[in-house]
Amino acid sequence: MHIQSSTFDFLDDLKQNNDRDWFHSHRERYESALENVTDFIAHLIDRLSIVDPHINQGISAKKCLFRIYRDIRFSKNKQPYKSWFAAGISIDGRKLEGPEYYIHFGADECYLAVGYWRPNKRHLEAIRQEIDYDADGLLEALRKGAWNASDLSQHDQLKRPPAGYQNDHEHIDLIKHRSFILHKELSREQLVAGTALDTVMNSYESMLPFKMFLHTAIDQ
């Protein structure tokens, strides 16, 4: 199972012709690309259900996919469509408050990620508390997949320690995170190859111990 070259061709052309008339005149290409991505996500869910107890085969691939239509109501960018397909896979499609798998197939970039983006207040406090109590557990979970703390996304951190923590805390850099995410870029060549599903799964399995640490922290 893989992403077809024609899917990327559609996204490339959509990026260059991002208007409703072009989209409607190429709707069959869109439907074909969407079917390809949906099938890939369905196979991915099946594979994830084997290794992750939080994922089951009953999860709908369609529920995991993000819409290609952009919300332009409050945006300066009035292009009506995204030039990518993306999916978030969790216990309940892409709407669960908790750790999830994410995958992005775009005209400009392709990547996958695992983690928890902007946890709610209760979950964020629980994750920080778990790091405070057991930072070694987090570091070991990362090491199991050949990752380390510096691999966590650095784009969403507090500048100052959160309430209840001091700047001299041994693991304050981890505690300052507001999102906890591992990320890996993918090439088109990897995704159109016949081994694409294996490539994605190998990366996800390396991130699984980290994901399980987050589940444990929020008692999920």
N, C-alpha and C. Protein backbone atom coordinates (compact mmCIF):
# COMPACT_ATOMS: atom_id res chain seq x y z
N MET A 1 0.85 -1.19 0.00
CA MET A 1 0.00 0.00 0.00
C MET A 1 0.89 1.24 0.00
N HIS A 2 0.54 2.22 -0.85
CA HIS A 2 1.37 3.41 -0.96
C HIS A 2 0.52 4.57 -1.47
N ILE A 3 1.11 5.76 -1.44
CA ILE A 3 0.46 6.93 -2.02
C ILE A 3 0.83 6.99 -3.50
N GLN A 4 -0.16 7.16 -4.33
CA GLN A 4 0.06 7.14 -5.77
C GLN A 4 0.68 8.47 -6.24
N SER A 5 1.51 8.38 -7.25
CA SER A 5 2.11 9.59 -7.83
C SER A 5 1.03 10.56 -8.30
N SER A 6 -0.08 10.03 -8.80
CA SER A 6 -1.17 10.89 -9.29
C SER A 6 -1.77 11.73 -8.16
N THR A 7 -1.71 11.22 -6.92
CA THR A 7 -2.21 12.00 -5.78
C THR A 7 -1.34 13.24 -5.58
N PHE A 8 -0.04 13.07 -5.65
CA PHE A 8 0.85 14.23 -5.52
C PHE A 8 0.73 15.15 -6.73
N ASP A 9 0.51 14.58 -7.91
CA ASP A 9 0.31 15.42 -9.10
C ASP A 9 -0.91 16.32 -8.91
N PHE A 10 -1.98 15.76 -8.36
CA PHE A 10 -3.17 16.56 -8.10
C PHE A 10 -2.87 17.69 -7.13
N LEU A 11 -2.16 17.38 -6.04
CA LEU A 11 -1.85 18.40 -5.04
C LEU A 11 -0.95 19.50 -5.63
N ASP A 12 0.00 19.11 -6.45
CA ASP A 12 0.87 20.10 -7.10
C ASP A 12 0.04 21.04 -7.98
N ASP A 13 -0.87 20.45 -8.76
CA ASP A 13 -1.69 21.27 -9.65
C ASP A 13 -2.67 22.14 -8.86
N LEU A 14 -3.20 21.61 -7.77
CA LEU A 14 -4.12 22.39 -6.93
C LEU A 14 -3.40 23.60 -6.32
N LYS A 15 -2.18 23.41 -5.92
CA LYS A 15 -1.41 24.53 -5.36
C LYS A 15 -1.28 25.66 -6.38
N GLN A 16 -1.11 25.31 -7.64
CA GLN A 16 -0.93 26.31 -8.69
C GLN A 16 -2.26 26.87 -9.21
N ASN A 17 -3.36 26.18 -8.90
CA ASN A 17 -4.68 26.57 -9.44
C ASN A 17 -5.73 26.52 -8.33
N ASN A 18 -5.45 27.26 -7.26
CA ASN A 18 -6.28 27.14 -6.07
C ASN A 18 -7.52 28.04 -6.16
N ASP A 19 -8.47 27.58 -6.95
CA ASP A 19 -9.75 28.29 -7.06
C ASP A 19 -10.86 27.28 -7.32
N ARG A 20 -12.08 27.72 -7.08
CA ARG A 20 -13.21 26.79 -7.12
C ARG A 20 -13.49 26.26 -8.52
N ASP A 21 -13.34 27.10 -9.51
CA ASP A 21 -13.62 26.64 -10.88
C ASP A 21 -12.67 25.50 -11.28
N TRP A 22 -11.39 25.69 -11.00
CA TRP A 22 -10.42 24.64 -11.34
C TRP A 22 -10.73 23.37 -10.54
N PHE A 23 -11.01 23.54 -9.25
CA PHE A 23 -11.27 22.37 -8.41
C PHE A 23 -12.47 21.58 -8.92
N HIS A 24 -13.54 22.26 -9.24
CA HIS A 24 -14.74 21.56 -9.70
C HIS A 24 -14.52 20.89 -11.04
N SER A 25 -13.72 21.48 -11.89
CA SER A 25 -13.46 20.87 -13.19
C SER A 25 -12.51 19.68 -13.08
N HIS A 26 -11.84 19.56 -11.93
CA HIS A 26 -10.93 18.43 -11.70
C HIS A 26 -11.39 17.60 -10.50
N ARG A 27 -12.69 17.59 -10.30
CA ARG A 27 -13.21 16.90 -9.11
C ARG A 27 -12.94 15.40 -9.14
N GLU A 28 -12.95 14.81 -10.31
CA GLU A 28 -12.68 13.37 -10.40
C GLU A 28 -11.26 13.06 -9.92
N ARG A 29 -10.31 13.92 -10.23
CA ARG A 29 -8.94 13.73 -9.75
C ARG A 29 -8.89 13.85 -8.23
N TYR A 30 -9.64 14.81 -7.71
CA TYR A 30 -9.70 14.96 -6.25
C TYR A 30 -10.28 13.71 -5.60
N GLU A 31 -11.38 13.22 -6.13
CA GLU A 31 -12.03 12.04 -5.55
C GLU A 31 -11.08 10.84 -5.59
N SER A 32 -10.34 10.68 -6.68
CA SER A 32 -9.40 9.57 -6.80
C SER A 32 -8.26 9.71 -5.79
N ALA A 33 -7.73 10.93 -5.63
CA ALA A 33 -6.66 11.17 -4.67
C ALA A 33 -7.16 10.93 -3.25
N LEU A 34 -8.37 11.41 -2.96
CA LEU A 34 -8.95 11.22 -1.63
C LEU A 34 -9.14 9.74 -1.32
N GLU A 35 -9.61 8.98 -2.29
CA GLU A 35 -9.78 7.53 -2.10
C GLU A 35 -8.44 6.85 -1.81
N ASN A 36 -7.41 7.26 -2.52
CA ASN A 36 -6.08 6.70 -2.31
C ASN A 36 -5.59 6.97 -0.89
N VAL A 37 -5.72 8.21 -0.44
CA VAL A 37 -5.27 8.57 0.91
C VAL A 37 -6.12 7.87 1.97
N THR A 38 -7.43 7.81 1.75
CA THR A 38 -8.32 7.14 2.71
C THR A 38 -7.95 5.66 2.85
N ASP A 39 -7.68 5.01 1.73
CA ASP A 39 -7.28 3.60 1.76
C ASP A 39 -5.96 3.43 2.53
N PHE A 40 -5.04 4.34 2.29
CA PHE A 40 -3.75 4.27 2.99
C PHE A 40 -3.96 4.40 4.50
N ILE A 41 -4.80 5.35 4.91
CA ILE A 41 -5.07 5.55 6.34
C ILE A 41 -5.76 4.32 6.93
N ALA A 42 -6.67 3.72 6.18
CA ALA A 42 -7.36 2.52 6.67
C ALA A 42 -6.37 1.39 6.92
N HIS A 43 -5.44 1.19 5.99
CA HIS A 43 -4.41 0.16 6.18
C HIS A 43 -3.51 0.51 7.36
N LEU A 44 -3.24 1.80 7.51
CA LEU A 44 -2.40 2.24 8.62
C LEU A 44 -3.08 1.97 9.96
N ILE A 45 -4.36 2.23 10.04
CA ILE A 45 -5.11 1.95 11.26
C ILE A 45 -5.04 0.46 11.61
N ASP A 46 -5.22 -0.38 10.60
CA ASP A 46 -5.13 -1.83 10.83
C ASP A 46 -3.78 -2.22 11.41
N ARG A 47 -2.72 -1.65 10.86
CA ARG A 47 -1.38 -1.98 11.33
C ARG A 47 -1.13 -1.42 12.74
N LEU A 48 -1.60 -0.21 12.99
CA LEU A 48 -1.41 0.40 14.31
C LEU A 48 -2.16 -0.38 15.40
N SER A 49 -3.32 -0.93 15.03
CA SER A 49 -4.13 -1.66 16.02
C SER A 49 -3.40 -2.89 16.54
N ILE A 50 -2.42 -3.38 15.82
CA ILE A 50 -1.67 -4.56 16.23
C ILE A 50 -0.68 -4.21 17.35
N VAL A 51 -0.15 -2.99 17.32
CA VAL A 51 0.92 -2.62 18.26
C VAL A 51 0.48 -1.64 19.33
N ASP A 52 -0.65 -0.96 19.13
CA ASP A 52 -1.08 0.08 20.07
C ASP A 52 -2.46 -0.26 20.61
N PRO A 53 -2.58 -0.54 21.92
CA PRO A 53 -3.88 -0.91 22.48
C PRO A 53 -4.90 0.22 22.44
N HIS A 54 -4.46 1.45 22.16
CA HIS A 54 -5.39 2.58 22.09
C HIS A 54 -6.00 2.73 20.70
N ILE A 55 -5.55 1.92 19.76
CA ILE A 55 -6.08 1.99 18.39
C ILE A 55 -6.77 0.67 18.07
N ASN A 56 -7.97 0.76 17.51
CA ASN A 56 -8.68 -0.46 17.12
C ASN A 56 -9.11 -0.37 15.66
N GLN A 57 -9.36 -1.51 15.08
CA GLN A 57 -9.67 -1.58 13.65
C GLN A 57 -11.01 -0.93 13.31
N GLY A 58 -11.83 -0.66 14.32
CA GLY A 58 -13.13 -0.05 14.06
C GLY A 58 -13.06 1.45 13.82
N ILE A 59 -11.91 2.06 14.02
CA ILE A 59 -11.78 3.49 13.78
C ILE A 59 -11.95 3.77 12.28
N SER A 60 -12.77 4.73 11.96
CA SER A 60 -13.05 5.07 10.56
C SER A 60 -11.94 5.95 9.99
N ALA A 61 -11.36 5.53 8.89
CA ALA A 61 -10.33 6.34 8.24
C ALA A 61 -10.91 7.70 7.83
N LYS A 62 -12.16 7.72 7.39
CA LYS A 62 -12.77 8.98 6.98
C LYS A 62 -12.88 9.96 8.14
N LYS A 63 -13.14 9.44 9.35
CA LYS A 63 -13.22 10.32 10.51
C LYS A 63 -11.86 10.88 10.89
N CYS A 64 -10.80 10.21 10.47
CA CYS A 64 -9.45 10.66 10.81
C CYS A 64 -8.95 11.76 9.87
N LEU A 65 -9.53 11.85 8.69
CA LEU A 65 -9.04 12.79 7.68
C LEU A 65 -9.53 14.22 7.95
N PHE A 66 -8.66 15.17 7.72
CA PHE A 66 -9.03 16.57 7.78
C PHE A 66 -9.61 17.00 6.43
N ARG A 67 -10.56 17.90 6.47
CA ARG A 67 -11.18 18.39 5.24
C ARG A 67 -10.18 19.18 4.41
N ILE A 68 -10.32 19.09 3.10
CA ILE A 68 -9.43 19.83 2.21
C ILE A 68 -9.87 21.29 2.06
N TYR A 69 -11.09 21.57 2.51
CA TYR A 69 -11.63 22.92 2.38
C TYR A 69 -11.11 23.80 3.52
N ARG A 70 -10.59 24.96 3.19
CA ARG A 70 -10.07 25.88 4.18
C ARG A 70 -11.18 26.76 4.74
N ASP A 71 -11.07 27.11 6.01
CA ASP A 71 -11.97 28.10 6.62
C ASP A 71 -11.35 29.47 6.40
N ILE A 72 -11.90 30.22 5.47
CA ILE A 72 -11.30 31.50 5.09
C ILE A 72 -12.00 32.70 5.74
N ARG A 73 -12.94 32.44 6.64
CA ARG A 73 -13.73 33.54 7.20
C ARG A 73 -12.87 34.59 7.89
N PHE A 74 -11.87 34.15 8.64
CA PHE A 74 -11.05 35.08 9.42
C PHE A 74 -9.59 35.05 8.98
N SER A 75 -9.35 34.62 7.76
CA SER A 75 -7.99 34.48 7.25
C SER A 75 -7.72 35.48 6.13
N LYS A 76 -6.50 36.02 6.13
CA LYS A 76 -6.11 36.90 5.02
C LYS A 76 -5.89 36.08 3.74
N ASN A 77 -5.54 34.80 3.92
CA ASN A 77 -5.37 33.91 2.78
C ASN A 77 -6.75 33.39 2.36
N LYS A 78 -7.22 33.83 1.20
CA LYS A 78 -8.56 33.49 0.75
C LYS A 78 -8.59 32.30 -0.20
N GLN A 79 -7.47 31.59 -0.33
CA GLN A 79 -7.49 30.38 -1.15
C GLN A 79 -8.44 29.37 -0.51
N PRO A 80 -9.35 28.79 -1.29
CA PRO A 80 -10.40 27.96 -0.69
C PRO A 80 -9.98 26.54 -0.30
N TYR A 81 -8.80 26.09 -0.78
CA TYR A 81 -8.43 24.69 -0.54
C TYR A 81 -7.02 24.58 0.03
N LYS A 82 -6.84 23.55 0.82
CA LYS A 82 -5.50 23.19 1.28
C LYS A 82 -4.80 22.40 0.16
N SER A 83 -3.50 22.54 0.07
CA SER A 83 -2.77 21.77 -0.94
C SER A 83 -2.13 20.55 -0.29
N TRP A 84 -2.86 19.94 0.61
CA TRP A 84 -2.38 18.73 1.28
C TRP A 84 -3.56 17.91 1.80
N PHE A 85 -3.28 16.64 2.05
CA PHE A 85 -4.17 15.76 2.79
C PHE A 85 -3.50 15.47 4.13
N ALA A 86 -4.30 15.32 5.17
CA ALA A 86 -3.73 15.02 6.48
C ALA A 86 -4.73 14.21 7.29
N ALA A 87 -4.21 13.45 8.24
CA ALA A 87 -5.06 12.64 9.11
C ALA A 87 -4.49 12.61 10.51
N GLY A 88 -5.38 12.58 11.48
CA GLY A 88 -5.01 12.37 12.87
C GLY A 88 -5.68 11.11 13.37
N ILE A 89 -4.92 10.18 13.87
CA ILE A 89 -5.45 8.88 14.26
C ILE A 89 -5.34 8.74 15.77
N SER A 90 -6.50 8.61 16.42
CA SER A 90 -6.54 8.43 17.87
C SER A 90 -7.68 7.48 18.21
N ILE A 91 -7.98 7.36 19.49
CA ILE A 91 -9.04 6.45 19.92
C ILE A 91 -10.35 6.76 19.21
N ASP A 92 -10.62 8.03 18.97
CA ASP A 92 -11.88 8.43 18.35
C ASP A 92 -11.61 9.31 17.14
N GLY A 93 -11.03 8.70 16.10
CA GLY A 93 -10.73 9.47 14.90
C GLY A 93 -9.70 10.54 15.18
N ARG A 94 -10.02 11.79 14.85
CA ARG A 94 -9.06 12.87 15.06
C ARG A 94 -9.56 13.88 16.08
N LYS A 95 -10.52 13.50 16.92
CA LYS A 95 -11.14 14.48 17.82
C LYS A 95 -10.89 14.20 19.30
N LEU A 96 -10.12 13.20 19.60
CA LEU A 96 -9.86 12.88 21.00
C LEU A 96 -8.93 13.89 21.63
N GLU A 97 -9.16 14.21 22.91
CA GLU A 97 -8.19 14.98 23.67
C GLU A 97 -7.20 13.99 24.26
N GLY A 98 -6.09 13.83 23.59
CA GLY A 98 -5.10 12.86 24.04
C GLY A 98 -4.04 12.67 22.96
N PRO A 99 -3.09 11.80 23.20
CA PRO A 99 -2.03 11.53 22.22
C PRO A 99 -2.60 10.93 20.94
N GLU A 100 -1.98 11.26 19.83
CA GLU A 100 -2.44 10.72 18.56
C GLU A 100 -1.28 10.61 17.57
N TYR A 101 -1.59 9.92 16.47
CA TYR A 101 -0.70 9.85 15.31
C TYR A 101 -1.18 10.87 14.30
N TYR A 102 -0.23 11.52 13.63
CA TYR A 102 -0.58 12.49 12.59
C TYR A 102 0.27 12.18 11.36
N ILE A 103 -0.33 12.34 10.19
CA ILE A 103 0.43 12.17 8.94
C ILE A 103 -0.06 13.20 7.94
N HIS A 104 0.89 13.74 7.17
CA HIS A 104 0.65 14.89 6.30
C HIS A 104 1.26 14.62 4.94
N PHE A 105 0.40 14.66 3.90
CA PHE A 105 0.85 14.48 2.52
C PHE A 105 0.61 15.79 1.80
N GLY A 106 1.66 16.55 1.50
CA GLY A 106 1.46 17.86 0.93
C GLY A 106 2.22 18.12 -0.35
N ALA A 107 1.79 19.18 -1.05
CA ALA A 107 2.53 19.61 -2.24
C ALA A 107 3.91 20.11 -1.85
N ASP A 108 4.02 20.72 -0.67
CA ASP A 108 5.30 21.30 -0.23
C ASP A 108 6.10 20.40 0.68
N GLU A 109 5.43 19.61 1.51
CA GLU A 109 6.14 18.77 2.47
C GLU A 109 5.29 17.58 2.87
N CYS A 110 5.99 16.56 3.32
CA CYS A 110 5.34 15.36 3.85
C CYS A 110 6.02 15.01 5.16
N TYR A 111 5.25 14.66 6.15
CA TYR A 111 5.84 14.28 7.42
C TYR A 111 4.83 13.53 8.26
N LEU A 112 5.32 12.92 9.31
CA LEU A 112 4.46 12.27 10.29
C LEU A 112 4.86 12.75 11.68
N ALA A 113 3.97 12.56 12.62
CA ALA A 113 4.24 12.99 13.99
C ALA A 113 3.44 12.13 14.96
N VAL A 114 3.91 12.10 16.18
CA VAL A 114 3.20 11.44 17.27
C VAL A 114 3.30 12.34 18.50
N GLY A 115 2.21 12.45 19.23
CA GLY A 115 2.27 13.23 20.46
C GLY A 115 0.94 13.84 20.81
N TYR A 116 1.01 14.91 21.59
CA TYR A 116 -0.18 15.60 22.09
C TYR A 116 0.03 17.08 21.87
N TRP A 117 -0.75 17.65 20.94
CA TRP A 117 -0.65 19.07 20.65
C TRP A 117 -1.58 19.86 21.57
N ARG A 118 -1.02 20.81 22.28
CA ARG A 118 -1.78 21.70 23.16
C ARG A 118 -2.78 20.94 24.06
N PRO A 119 -2.27 20.12 24.98
CA PRO A 119 -3.17 19.42 25.90
C PRO A 119 -4.05 20.42 26.66
N ASN A 120 -5.25 19.97 27.05
CA ASN A 120 -6.08 20.82 27.90
C ASN A 120 -5.37 21.03 29.25
N LYS A 121 -5.87 21.95 30.03
CA LYS A 121 -5.18 22.35 31.27
C LYS A 121 -4.94 21.17 32.20
N ARG A 122 -5.93 20.33 32.36
CA ARG A 122 -5.80 19.19 33.28
C ARG A 122 -4.75 18.22 32.77
N HIS A 123 -4.77 17.92 31.48
CA HIS A 123 -3.80 16.98 30.92
C HIS A 123 -2.39 17.57 30.91
N LEU A 124 -2.28 18.86 30.63
CA LEU A 124 -0.97 19.49 30.62
C LEU A 124 -0.34 19.44 32.01
N GLU A 125 -1.14 19.72 33.01
CA GLU A 125 -0.63 19.66 34.38
C GLU A 125 -0.23 18.23 34.74
N ALA A 126 -0.99 17.26 34.28
CA ALA A 126 -0.68 15.86 34.58
C ALA A 126 0.62 15.42 33.91
N ILE A 127 0.83 15.84 32.66
CA ILE A 127 2.06 15.49 31.95
C ILE A 127 3.26 16.13 32.63
N ARG A 128 3.14 17.39 33.00
CA ARG A 128 4.24 18.07 33.68
C ARG A 128 4.53 17.41 35.02
N GLN A 129 3.49 17.01 35.73
CA GLN A 129 3.68 16.34 37.01
C GLN A 129 4.39 15.00 36.82
N GLU A 130 4.02 14.28 35.77
CA GLU A 130 4.66 13.00 35.50
C GLU A 130 6.14 13.19 35.17
N ILE A 131 6.46 14.24 34.43
CA ILE A 131 7.86 14.54 34.13
C ILE A 131 8.60 14.92 35.42
N ASP A 132 7.94 15.68 36.26
CA ASP A 132 8.54 16.06 37.53
C ASP A 132 8.86 14.82 38.37
N TYR A 133 7.93 13.87 38.41
CA TYR A 133 8.11 12.65 39.21
C TYR A 133 9.03 11.65 38.53
N ASP A 134 8.94 11.57 37.21
CA ASP A 134 9.61 10.46 36.50
C ASP A 134 10.16 10.92 35.15
N ALA A 135 11.00 11.91 35.15
CA ALA A 135 11.62 12.35 33.90
C ALA A 135 12.44 11.23 33.27
N ASP A 136 13.02 10.40 34.12
CA ASP A 136 13.80 9.28 33.58
C ASP A 136 12.92 8.35 32.76
N GLY A 137 11.65 8.22 33.15
CA GLY A 137 10.72 7.39 32.38
C GLY A 137 10.49 7.95 31.00
N LEU A 138 10.36 9.26 30.90
CA LEU A 138 10.20 9.89 29.60
C LEU A 138 11.46 9.73 28.75
N LEU A 139 12.61 9.99 29.36
CA LEU A 139 13.87 9.89 28.62
C LEU A 139 14.12 8.46 28.15
N GLU A 140 13.75 7.49 28.98
CA GLU A 140 13.92 6.08 28.59
C GLU A 140 12.96 5.72 27.46
N ALA A 141 11.73 6.24 27.52
CA ALA A 141 10.76 5.99 26.45
C ALA A 141 11.28 6.54 25.12
N LEU A 142 11.90 7.68 25.17
CA LEU A 142 12.49 8.25 23.97
C LEU A 142 13.65 7.41 23.47
N ARG A 143 14.50 7.00 24.39
CA ARG A 143 15.68 6.21 24.02
C ARG A 143 15.30 4.90 23.36
N LYS A 144 14.20 4.30 23.80
CA LYS A 144 13.77 3.02 23.23
C LYS A 144 13.54 3.13 21.73
N GLY A 145 13.15 4.30 21.28
CA GLY A 145 12.93 4.50 19.85
C GLY A 145 14.07 5.24 19.17
N ALA A 146 15.22 5.33 19.87
CA ALA A 146 16.40 6.03 19.33
C ALA A 146 16.14 7.53 19.19
N TRP A 147 15.31 8.09 20.08
CA TRP A 147 15.08 9.53 20.14
C TRP A 147 15.72 10.07 21.42
N ASN A 148 15.76 11.39 21.53
CA ASN A 148 16.18 12.01 22.79
C ASN A 148 15.37 13.28 23.01
N ALA A 149 15.57 13.92 24.15
CA ALA A 149 14.73 15.07 24.53
C ALA A 149 14.82 16.21 23.52
N SER A 150 15.96 16.38 22.88
CA SER A 150 16.12 17.47 21.92
C SER A 150 15.31 17.23 20.64
N ASP A 151 14.83 16.00 20.44
CA ASP A 151 14.01 15.70 19.27
C ASP A 151 12.57 16.16 19.44
N LEU A 152 12.15 16.44 20.66
CA LEU A 152 10.80 16.95 20.87
C LEU A 152 10.67 18.31 20.21
N SER A 153 9.52 18.57 19.60
CA SER A 153 9.30 19.84 18.93
C SER A 153 9.57 21.00 19.88
N GLN A 154 10.37 21.95 19.43
CA GLN A 154 10.76 23.09 20.26
C GLN A 154 9.93 24.34 19.95
N HIS A 155 8.89 24.21 19.16
CA HIS A 155 8.16 25.38 18.68
C HIS A 155 7.05 25.84 19.61
N ASP A 156 6.80 25.13 20.68
CA ASP A 156 5.68 25.50 21.54
C ASP A 156 6.09 25.34 23.00
N GLN A 157 6.91 26.27 23.48
CA GLN A 157 7.42 26.23 24.85
C GLN A 157 7.20 27.57 25.54
N LEU A 158 7.00 27.52 26.84
CA LEU A 158 6.95 28.73 27.64
C LEU A 158 8.34 29.34 27.75
N LYS A 159 8.40 30.65 27.88
CA LYS A 159 9.69 31.30 28.11
C LYS A 159 10.07 31.25 29.59
N ARG A 160 9.05 31.21 30.43
CA ARG A 160 9.28 31.15 31.87
C ARG A 160 8.69 29.85 32.43
N PRO A 161 9.17 29.41 33.58
CA PRO A 161 8.62 28.19 34.17
C PRO A 161 7.13 28.33 34.47
N PRO A 162 6.35 27.27 34.29
CA PRO A 162 4.94 27.34 34.67
C PRO A 162 4.79 27.43 36.18
N ALA A 163 3.62 27.80 36.63
CA ALA A 163 3.36 27.94 38.06
C ALA A 163 3.68 26.65 38.78
N GLY A 164 4.39 26.77 39.90
CA GLY A 164 4.72 25.61 40.71
C GLY A 164 6.08 25.02 40.43
N TYR A 165 6.80 25.57 39.41
CA TYR A 165 8.11 25.04 39.05
C TYR A 165 9.14 26.17 39.03
N GLN A 166 10.35 25.83 39.38
CA GLN A 166 11.43 26.80 39.42
C GLN A 166 12.36 26.64 38.21
N ASN A 167 13.03 27.71 37.86
CA ASN A 167 13.89 27.69 36.69
C ASN A 167 15.10 26.78 36.86
N ASP A 168 15.44 26.46 38.11
CA ASP A 168 16.60 25.59 38.34
C ASP A 168 16.21 24.11 38.41
N HIS A 169 14.95 23.79 38.09
CA HIS A 169 14.53 22.38 38.04
C HIS A 169 15.38 21.65 37.01
N GLU A 170 15.83 20.45 37.34
CA GLU A 170 16.71 19.70 36.46
C GLU A 170 16.13 19.50 35.06
N HIS A 171 14.81 19.38 35.00
CA HIS A 171 14.18 19.10 33.70
C HIS A 171 13.20 20.21 33.31
N ILE A 172 13.55 21.44 33.67
CA ILE A 172 12.63 22.55 33.38
C ILE A 172 12.40 22.74 31.89
N ASP A 173 13.38 22.41 31.05
CA ASP A 173 13.18 22.55 29.60
C ASP A 173 12.07 21.63 29.10
N LEU A 174 11.95 20.45 29.70
CA LEU A 174 10.85 19.55 29.33
C LEU A 174 9.53 20.06 29.88
N ILE A 175 9.55 20.57 31.10
CA ILE A 175 8.33 21.03 31.76
C ILE A 175 7.76 22.27 31.08
N LYS A 176 8.61 23.06 30.43
CA LYS A 176 8.15 24.27 29.75
C LYS A 176 7.36 23.97 28.47
N HIS A 177 7.42 22.76 27.98
CA HIS A 177 6.68 22.43 26.76
C HIS A 177 5.18 22.62 26.98
N ARG A 178 4.52 23.16 25.96
CA ARG A 178 3.06 23.22 25.95
C ARG A 178 2.47 22.17 25.02
N SER A 179 3.29 21.64 24.13
CA SER A 179 2.93 20.51 23.28
C SER A 179 4.07 19.51 23.35
N PHE A 180 3.72 18.23 23.22
CA PHE A 180 4.72 17.16 23.34
C PHE A 180 4.64 16.31 22.08
N ILE A 181 5.57 16.56 21.14
CA ILE A 181 5.45 15.99 19.81
C ILE A 181 6.80 15.55 19.28
N LEU A 182 6.83 14.36 18.69
CA LEU A 182 7.95 13.90 17.87
C LEU A 182 7.52 14.00 16.41
N HIS A 183 8.47 14.37 15.57
CA HIS A 183 8.16 14.68 14.18
C HIS A 183 9.23 14.07 13.29
N LYS A 184 8.82 13.58 12.13
CA LYS A 184 9.79 13.05 11.16
C LYS A 184 9.35 13.40 9.75
N GLU A 185 10.26 13.97 8.98
CA GLU A 185 9.95 14.30 7.60
C GLU A 185 10.00 13.04 6.74
N LEU A 186 9.18 13.05 5.71
CA LEU A 186 9.13 11.96 4.75
C LEU A 186 9.35 12.53 3.35
N SER A 187 9.89 11.74 2.46
CA SER A 187 10.03 12.16 1.07
C SER A 187 8.90 11.56 0.24
N ARG A 188 8.64 12.18 -0.88
CA ARG A 188 7.66 11.60 -1.81
C ARG A 188 8.10 10.22 -2.26
N GLU A 189 9.39 10.09 -2.46
CA GLU A 189 9.91 8.80 -2.92
C GLU A 189 9.57 7.69 -1.93
N GLN A 190 9.67 8.00 -0.66
CA GLN A 190 9.31 7.01 0.37
C GLN A 190 7.83 6.67 0.32
N LEU A 191 6.99 7.66 0.06
CA LEU A 191 5.55 7.46 0.14
C LEU A 191 4.96 6.83 -1.12
N VAL A 192 5.61 6.98 -2.26
CA VAL A 192 5.09 6.35 -3.48
C VAL A 192 5.68 4.96 -3.67
N ALA A 193 6.67 4.62 -2.86
CA ALA A 193 7.28 3.29 -2.95
C ALA A 193 6.32 2.24 -2.41
N GLY A 194 6.49 1.02 -2.86
CA GLY A 194 5.65 -0.08 -2.39
C GLY A 194 5.81 -0.38 -0.91
N THR A 195 6.90 0.09 -0.32
CA THR A 195 7.18 -0.12 1.11
C THR A 195 6.71 1.05 1.97
N ALA A 196 5.89 1.94 1.42
CA ALA A 196 5.49 3.16 2.13
C ALA A 196 4.86 2.86 3.49
N LEU A 197 3.96 1.90 3.53
CA LEU A 197 3.28 1.59 4.79
C LEU A 197 4.27 1.09 5.84
N ASP A 198 5.23 0.27 5.42
CA ASP A 198 6.26 -0.21 6.35
C ASP A 198 7.12 0.95 6.85
N THR A 199 7.45 1.87 5.95
CA THR A 199 8.26 3.03 6.34
C THR A 199 7.57 3.85 7.41
N VAL A 200 6.28 4.13 7.21
CA VAL A 200 5.52 4.90 8.18
C VAL A 200 5.40 4.14 9.50
N MET A 201 5.11 2.85 9.42
CA MET A 201 4.95 2.06 10.64
C MET A 201 6.26 1.97 11.42
N ASN A 202 7.38 1.84 10.75
CA ASN A 202 8.66 1.77 11.46
C ASN A 202 8.89 3.04 12.27
N SER A 203 8.54 4.19 11.70
CA SER A 203 8.69 5.45 12.43
C SER A 203 7.71 5.52 13.60
N TYR A 204 6.46 5.15 13.35
CA TYR A 204 5.47 5.20 14.42
C TYR A 204 5.83 4.26 15.57
N GLU A 205 6.33 3.08 15.25
CA GLU A 205 6.70 2.15 16.32
C GLU A 205 7.86 2.68 17.14
N SER A 206 8.76 3.44 16.52
CA SER A 206 9.86 4.04 17.28
C SER A 206 9.35 5.12 18.22
N MET A 207 8.20 5.70 17.91
CA MET A 207 7.61 6.76 18.73
C MET A 207 6.61 6.23 19.75
N LEU A 208 6.26 4.96 19.64
CA LEU A 208 5.21 4.40 20.49
C LEU A 208 5.52 4.45 21.98
N PRO A 209 6.74 4.12 22.44
CA PRO A 209 7.01 4.23 23.88
C PRO A 209 6.77 5.64 24.42
N PHE A 210 7.13 6.66 23.64
CA PHE A 210 6.87 8.05 24.01
C PHE A 210 5.36 8.30 24.12
N LYS A 211 4.60 7.82 23.14
CA LYS A 211 3.15 7.98 23.17
C LYS A 211 2.56 7.31 24.40
N MET A 212 3.05 6.12 24.73
CA MET A 212 2.53 5.40 25.89
C MET A 212 2.85 6.15 27.19
N PHE A 213 4.00 6.81 27.26
CA PHE A 213 4.31 7.63 28.43
C PHE A 213 3.26 8.71 28.60
N LEU A 214 2.85 9.36 27.52
CA LEU A 214 1.84 10.39 27.60
C LEU A 214 0.49 9.84 28.04
N HIS A 215 0.11 8.66 27.51
CA HIS A 215 -1.13 8.03 27.95
C HIS A 215 -1.11 7.77 29.44
N THR A 216 0.02 7.25 29.92
CA THR A 216 0.14 6.94 31.35
C THR A 216 0.02 8.22 32.18
N ALA A 217 0.65 9.29 31.70
CA ALA A 217 0.65 10.56 32.46
C ALA A 217 -0.76 11.09 32.66
N ILE A 218 -1.62 10.92 31.66
CA ILE A 218 -2.97 11.47 31.77
C ILE A 218 -3.98 10.40 32.17
N ASP A 219 -3.46 9.23 32.58
CA ASP A 219 -4.29 8.13 33.07
C ASP A 219 -5.33 7.73 32.03
N GLN A 220 -4.83 7.49 30.82
CA GLN A 220 -5.73 7.16 29.70
C GLN A 220 -5.43 5.77 29.17
